[in-house]
């Protein structure tokens, strides 16, 4: 993982952790798909598990 992180940091020096990448992907999906579709793509069973991500948009 360290090698991959170094490679990514070369292009995105502000990257703090892998959770930030996941959140960015989910936020992008929420701009194109409705909440239920994103929930399915991420694999969550409960809508409330990604409702907080929606506030980042």
Foldseek 3Di string as FASTA:
>chain_A
DVVVVVVVCVVVVVDDDPVVVVLVVLCVVVVPDPQVVSCVVVVHPDSVVCPVSPVVD
